[in-house]
PDB file of N, CA and C in Angstrom:
ATOM      1  N   MET A   1     -27.728-117.956  65.591  1.00  0.00           N
ATOM      2  CA  MET A   1     -28.569-118.843  66.356  1.00  0.00           C
ATOM      3  C   MET A   1     -29.100-118.101  67.580  1.00  0.00           C
ATOM      4  N   ARG A   2     -30.410-118.081  67.754  1.00  0.00           N
ATOM      5  CA  ARG A   2     -31.025-117.440  68.919  1.00  0.00           C
ATOM      6  C   ARG A   2     -31.070-118.402  70.089  1.00  0.00           C
ATOM      7  N   THR A   3     -30.909-117.838  71.271  1.00  0.00           N
ATOM      8  CA  THR A   3     -31.052-118.622  72.497  1.00  0.00           C
ATOM      9  C   THR A   3     -32.091-117.936  73.367  1.00  0.00           C
ATOM     10  N   ASP A   4     -32.487-118.574  74.431  1.00  0.00           N
ATOM     11  CA  ASP A   4     -33.426-117.963  75.366  1.00  0.00           C
ATOM     12  C   ASP A   4     -32.855-116.693  75.976  1.00  0.00           C
ATOM     13  N   LEU A   5     -31.531-116.575  76.001  1.00  0.00           N
ATOM     14  CA  LEU A   5     -30.898-115.395  76.574  1.00  0.00           C
ATOM     15  C   LEU A   5     -31.066-114.170  75.694  1.00  0.00           C
ATOM     16  N   ASP A   6     -31.439-114.357  74.421  1.00  0.00           N
ATOM     17  CA  ASP A   6     -31.631-113.237  73.508  1.00  0.00           C
ATOM     18  C   ASP A   6     -32.967-112.532  73.746  1.00  0.00           C
ATOM     19  N   ASN A   7     -33.855-113.139  74.478  1.00  0.00           N
ATOM     20  CA  ASN A   7     -35.200-112.610  74.666  1.00  0.00           C
ATOM     21  C   ASN A   7     -35.462-112.390  76.152  1.00  0.00           C
ATOM     22  N   TRP A   8     -35.077-111.236  76.663  1.00  0.00           N
ATOM     23  CA  TRP A   8     -35.279-110.946  78.074  1.00  0.00           C
ATOM     24  C   TRP A   8     -35.586-109.469  78.247  1.00  0.00           C
ATOM     25  N   THR A   9     -36.186-109.137  79.363  1.00  0.00           N
ATOM     26  CA  THR A   9     -36.494-107.760  79.707  1.00  0.00           C
ATOM     27  C   THR A   9     -35.944-107.503  81.105  1.00  0.00           C
ATOM     28  N   PRO A  10     -35.109-106.474  81.257  1.00  0.00           N
ATOM     29  CA  PRO A  10     -34.556-106.204  82.590  1.00  0.00           C
ATOM     30  C   PRO A  10     -35.644-105.729  83.546  1.00  0.00           C
ATOM     31  N   ILE A  11     -35.436-105.962  84.825  1.00  0.00           N
ATOM     32  CA  ILE A  11     -36.381-105.436  85.811  1.00  0.00           C
ATOM     33  C   ILE A  11     -36.141-103.940  85.945  1.00  0.00           C
ATOM     34  N   THR A  12     -37.040-103.259  86.587  1.00  0.00           N
ATOM     35  CA  THR A  12     -36.945-101.802  86.713  1.00  0.00           C
ATOM     36  C   THR A  12     -35.950-101.400  87.801  1.00  0.00           C
ATOM     37  N   VAL A  13     -35.566-100.146  87.774  1.00  0.00           N
ATOM     38  CA  VAL A  13     -34.687 -99.600  88.812  1.00  0.00           C
ATOM     39  C   VAL A  13     -35.362 -99.752  90.175  1.00  0.00           C
ATOM     40  N   SER A  14     -36.639 -99.492  90.237  1.00  0.00           N
ATOM     41  CA  SER A  14     -37.387 -99.629  91.488  1.00  0.00           C
ATOM     42  C   SER A  14     -37.367-101.068  91.997  1.00  0.00           C
ATOM     43  N   ASP A  15     -37.546-102.022  91.085  1.00  0.00           N
ATOM     44  CA  ASP A  15     -37.504-103.436  91.481  1.00  0.00           C
ATOM     45  C   ASP A  15     -36.117-103.841  91.961  1.00  0.00           C
ATOM     46  N   ILE A  16     -35.080-103.326  91.314  1.00  0.00           N
ATOM     47  CA  ILE A  16     -33.716-103.623  91.753  1.00  0.00           C
ATOM     48  C   ILE A  16     -33.498-103.096  93.165  1.00  0.00           C
ATOM     49  N   ASN A  17     -33.982-101.897  93.431  1.00  0.00           N
ATOM     50  CA  ASN A  17     -33.853-101.334  94.773  1.00  0.00           C
ATOM     51  C   ASN A  17     -34.559-102.218  95.800  1.00  0.00           C
ATOM     52  N   LYS A  18     -35.742-102.705  95.471  1.00  0.00           N
ATOM     53  CA  LYS A  18     -36.481-103.575  96.394  1.00  0.00           C
ATOM     54  C   LYS A  18     -35.697-104.843  96.723  1.00  0.00           C
ATOM     55  N   VAL A  19     -34.987-105.400  95.747  1.00  0.00           N
ATOM     56  CA  VAL A  19     -34.204-106.623  95.953  1.00  0.00           C
ATOM     57  C   VAL A  19     -32.923-106.326  96.727  1.00  0.00           C
ATOM     58  N   PHE A  20     -32.154-105.344  96.270  1.00  0.00           N
ATOM     59  CA  PHE A  20     -30.834-105.093  96.836  1.00  0.00           C
ATOM     60  C   PHE A  20     -30.870-104.401  98.200  1.00  0.00           C
ATOM     61  N   CYS A  21     -31.925-103.635  98.496  1.00  0.00           N
ATOM     62  CA  CYS A  21     -31.960-102.932  99.788  1.00  0.00           C
ATOM     63  C   CYS A  21     -32.045-103.908 100.957  1.00  0.00           C
ATOM     64  N   LYS A  22     -32.439-105.142 100.697  1.00  0.00           N
ATOM     65  CA  LYS A  22     -32.531-106.156 101.747  1.00  0.00           C
ATOM     66  C   LYS A  22     -31.180-106.809 102.047  1.00  0.00           C
ATOM     67  N   LEU A  23     -30.205-106.603 101.184  1.00  0.00           N
ATOM     68  CA  LEU A  23     -28.899-107.240 101.349  1.00  0.00           C
ATOM     69  C   LEU A  23     -27.977-106.393 102.225  1.00  0.00           C
ATOM     70  N   PRO A  24     -27.173-107.029 103.062  1.00  0.00           N
ATOM     71  CA  PRO A  24     -26.264-106.280 103.939  1.00  0.00           C
ATOM     72  C   PRO A  24     -24.936-105.939 103.247  1.00  0.00           C
ATOM     73  N   ILE A  25     -25.028-105.326 102.062  1.00  0.00           N
ATOM     74  CA  ILE A  25     -23.839-104.953 101.288  1.00  0.00           C
ATOM     75  C   ILE A  25     -24.000-103.528 100.781  1.00  0.00           C
ATOM     76  N   LYS A  26     -22.870-102.928 100.405  1.00  0.00           N
ATOM     77  CA  LYS A  26     -22.899-101.624  99.753  1.00  0.00           C
ATOM     78  C   LYS A  26     -23.005-101.862  98.256  1.00  0.00           C
ATOM     79  N   TRP A  27     -23.985-101.240  97.621  1.00  0.00           N
ATOM     80  CA  TRP A  27     -24.204-101.417  96.192  1.00  0.00           C
ATOM     81  C   TRP A  27     -24.697-100.106  95.602  1.00  0.00           C
ATOM     82  N   CYS A  28     -24.596 -99.986  94.295  1.00  0.00           N
ATOM     83  CA  CYS A  28     -25.160 -98.819  93.624  1.00  0.00           C
ATOM     84  C   CYS A  28     -25.405 -99.145  92.156  1.00  0.00           C
ATOM     85  N   ILE A  29     -26.182 -98.299  91.553  1.00  0.00           N
ATOM     86  CA  ILE A  29     -26.464 -98.410  90.125  1.00  0.00           C
ATOM     87  C   ILE A  29     -25.378 -97.637  89.394  1.00  0.00           C
ATOM     88  N   ALA A  30     -24.877 -98.211  88.308  1.00  0.00           N
ATOM     89  CA  ALA A  30     -23.791 -97.597  87.539  1.00  0.00           C
ATOM     90  C   ALA A  30     -24.242 -97.401  86.089  1.00  0.00           C
ATOM     91  N   GLY A  31     -23.361 -96.856  85.290  1.00  0.00           N
ATOM     92  CA  GLY A  31     -23.614 -96.744  83.863  1.00  0.00           C
ATOM     93  C   GLY A  31     -24.662 -95.703  83.513  1.00  0.00           C
ATOM     94  N   GLY A  32     -25.356 -95.956  82.410  1.00  0.00           N
ATOM     95  CA  GLY A  32     -26.331 -95.009  81.891  1.00  0.00           C
ATOM     96  C   GLY A  32     -27.453 -94.682  82.851  1.00  0.00           C
ATOM     97  N   TRP A  33     -27.946 -95.695  83.558  1.00  0.00           N
ATOM     98  CA  TRP A  33     -29.018 -95.426  84.518  1.00  0.00           C
ATOM     99  C   TRP A  33     -28.532 -94.537  85.658  1.00  0.00           C
ATOM    100  N   ALA A  34     -27.294 -94.681  86.075  1.00  0.00           N
ATOM    101  CA  ALA A  34     -26.762 -93.825  87.135  1.00  0.00           C
ATOM    102  C   ALA A  34     -26.761 -92.363  86.690  1.00  0.00           C
ATOM    103  N   LEU A  35     -26.388 -92.131  85.454  1.00  0.00           N
ATOM    104  CA  LEU A  35     -26.400 -90.760  84.935  1.00  0.00           C
ATOM    105  C   LEU A  35     -27.820 -90.214  84.886  1.00  0.00           C
ATOM    106  N   ASP A  36     -28.759 -91.027  84.431  1.00  0.00           N
ATOM    107  CA  ASP A  36     -30.151 -90.579  84.372  1.00  0.00           C
ATOM    108  C   ASP A  36     -30.712 -90.309  85.765  1.00  0.00           C
ATOM    109  N   LEU A  37     -30.404 -91.169  86.724  1.00  0.00           N
ATOM    110  CA  LEU A  37     -30.884 -90.948  88.090  1.00  0.00           C
ATOM    111  C   LEU A  37     -30.302 -89.668  88.664  1.00  0.00           C
ATOM    112  N   HIS A  38     -29.040 -89.395  88.355  1.00  0.00           N
ATOM    113  CA  HIS A  38     -28.402 -88.161  88.826  1.00  0.00           C
ATOM    114  C   HIS A  38     -29.090 -86.929  88.233  1.00  0.00           C
ATOM    115  N   GLN A  39     -29.517 -87.039  86.978  1.00  0.00           N
ATOM    116  CA  GLN A  39     -30.189 -85.918  86.304  1.00  0.00           C
ATOM    117  C   GLN A  39     -31.692 -85.861  86.604  1.00  0.00           C
ATOM    118  N   CYS A  40     -32.188 -86.871  87.332  1.00  0.00           N
ATOM    119  CA  CYS A  40     -33.620 -86.941  87.686  1.00  0.00           C
ATOM    120  C   CYS A  40     -34.523 -87.028  86.465  1.00  0.00           C
ATOM    121  N   LYS A  41     -33.999 -87.620  85.377  1.00  0.00           N
ATOM    122  CA  LYS A  41     -34.830 -87.842  84.195  1.00  0.00           C
ATOM    123  C   LYS A  41     -34.188 -88.928  83.341  1.00  0.00           C
ATOM    124  N   GLN A  42     -35.021 -89.679  82.649  1.00  0.00           N
ATOM    125  CA  GLN A  42     -34.513 -90.707  81.747  1.00  0.00           C
ATOM    126  C   GLN A  42     -34.225 -90.053  80.409  1.00  0.00           C
ATOM    127  N   THR A  43     -32.972 -90.148  79.966  1.00  0.00           N
ATOM    128  CA  THR A  43     -32.551 -89.468  78.737  1.00  0.00           C
ATOM    129  C   THR A  43     -32.621 -90.359  77.502  1.00  0.00           C
ATOM    130  N   ARG A  44     -32.707 -91.677  77.714  1.00  0.00           N
ATOM    131  CA  ARG A  44     -32.759 -92.607  76.582  1.00  0.00           C
ATOM    132  C   ARG A  44     -33.262 -93.950  77.072  1.00  0.00           C
ATOM    133  N   GLU A  45     -33.555 -94.844  76.147  1.00  0.00           N
ATOM    134  CA  GLU A  45     -33.914 -96.216  76.493  1.00  0.00           C
ATOM    135  C   GLU A  45     -32.648 -96.964  76.920  1.00  0.00           C
ATOM    136  N   HIS A  46     -32.781 -97.843  77.888  1.00  0.00           N
ATOM    137  CA  HIS A  46     -31.654 -98.633  78.370  1.00  0.00           C
ATOM    138  C   HIS A  46     -31.983-100.105  78.184  1.00  0.00           C
ATOM    139  N   SER A  47     -31.019-100.880  77.713  1.00  0.00           N
ATOM    140  CA  SER A  47     -31.254-102.314  77.491  1.00  0.00           C
ATOM    141  C   SER A  47     -30.905-103.145  78.717  1.00  0.00           C
ATOM    142  N   ASP A  48     -30.259-102.510  79.702  1.00  0.00           N
ATOM    143  CA  ASP A  48     -29.920-103.232  80.929  1.00  0.00           C
ATOM    144  C   ASP A  48     -29.686-102.221  82.050  1.00  0.00           C
ATOM    145  N   ILE A  49     -29.457-102.741  83.246  1.00  0.00           N
ATOM    146  CA  ILE A  49     -29.140-101.894  84.394  1.00  0.00           C
ATOM    147  C   ILE A  49     -27.896-102.473  85.047  1.00  0.00           C
ATOM    148  N   ASP A  50     -26.866-101.648  85.181  1.00  0.00           N
ATOM    149  CA  ASP A  50     -25.603-102.088  85.762  1.00  0.00           C
ATOM    150  C   ASP A  50     -25.619-101.849  87.268  1.00  0.00           C
ATOM    151  N   ILE A  51     -25.312-102.905  88.019  1.00  0.00           N
ATOM    152  CA  ILE A  51     -25.223-102.829  89.474  1.00  0.00           C
ATOM    153  C   ILE A  51     -23.778-103.114  89.866  1.00  0.00           C
ATOM    154  N   ILE A  52     -23.235-102.325  90.776  1.00  0.00           N
ATOM    155  CA  ILE A  52     -21.894-102.616  91.282  1.00  0.00           C
ATOM    156  C   ILE A  52     -21.945-102.743  92.797  1.00  0.00           C
ATOM    157  N   ILE A  53     -21.037-103.544  93.327  1.00  0.00           N
ATOM    158  CA  ILE A  53     -20.886-103.670  94.767  1.00  0.00           C
ATOM    159  C   ILE A  53     -19.425-103.448  95.110  1.00  0.00           C
ATOM    160  N   THR A  54     -19.155-103.092  96.352  1.00  0.00           N
ATOM    161  CA  THR A  54     -17.782-102.828  96.747  1.00  0.00           C
ATOM    162  C   THR A  54     -16.969-104.129  96.741  1.00  0.00           C
ATOM    163  N   ARG A  55     -15.696-104.000  96.542  1.00  0.00           N
ATOM    164  CA  ARG A  55     -14.822-105.180  96.531  1.00  0.00           C
ATOM    165  C   ARG A  55     -14.918-105.939  97.846  1.00  0.00           C
ATOM    166  N   ALA A  56     -15.018-105.214  98.940  1.00  0.00           N
ATOM    167  CA  ALA A  56     -15.096-105.870 100.252  1.00  0.00           C
ATOM    168  C   ALA A  56     -16.341-106.743 100.372  1.00  0.00           C
ATOM    169  N   ASP A  57     -17.398-106.386  99.661  1.00  0.00           N
ATOM    170  CA  ASP A  57     -18.644-107.157  99.732  1.00  0.00           C
ATOM    171  C   ASP A  57     -18.752-108.238  98.654  1.00  0.00           C
ATOM    172  N   GLN A  58     -17.763-108.338  97.792  1.00  0.00           N
ATOM    173  CA  GLN A  58     -17.812-109.366  96.743  1.00  0.00           C
ATOM    174  C   GLN A  58     -17.587-110.741  97.323  1.00  0.00           C
TER     175      GLN A  58
END
């Protein structure tokens, strides 16, 4: 059974930065996108973007 949650497109890394940079918390991109950003190139397609924040800011 399909739901509306099956049909979505993640926002870009740039858009995430625009949203999160306004927040007074420590955050970073994790997972596959973090590796690609570290290498300064996209190595594969990503279906999502993982964001983490520090425990103190949760």
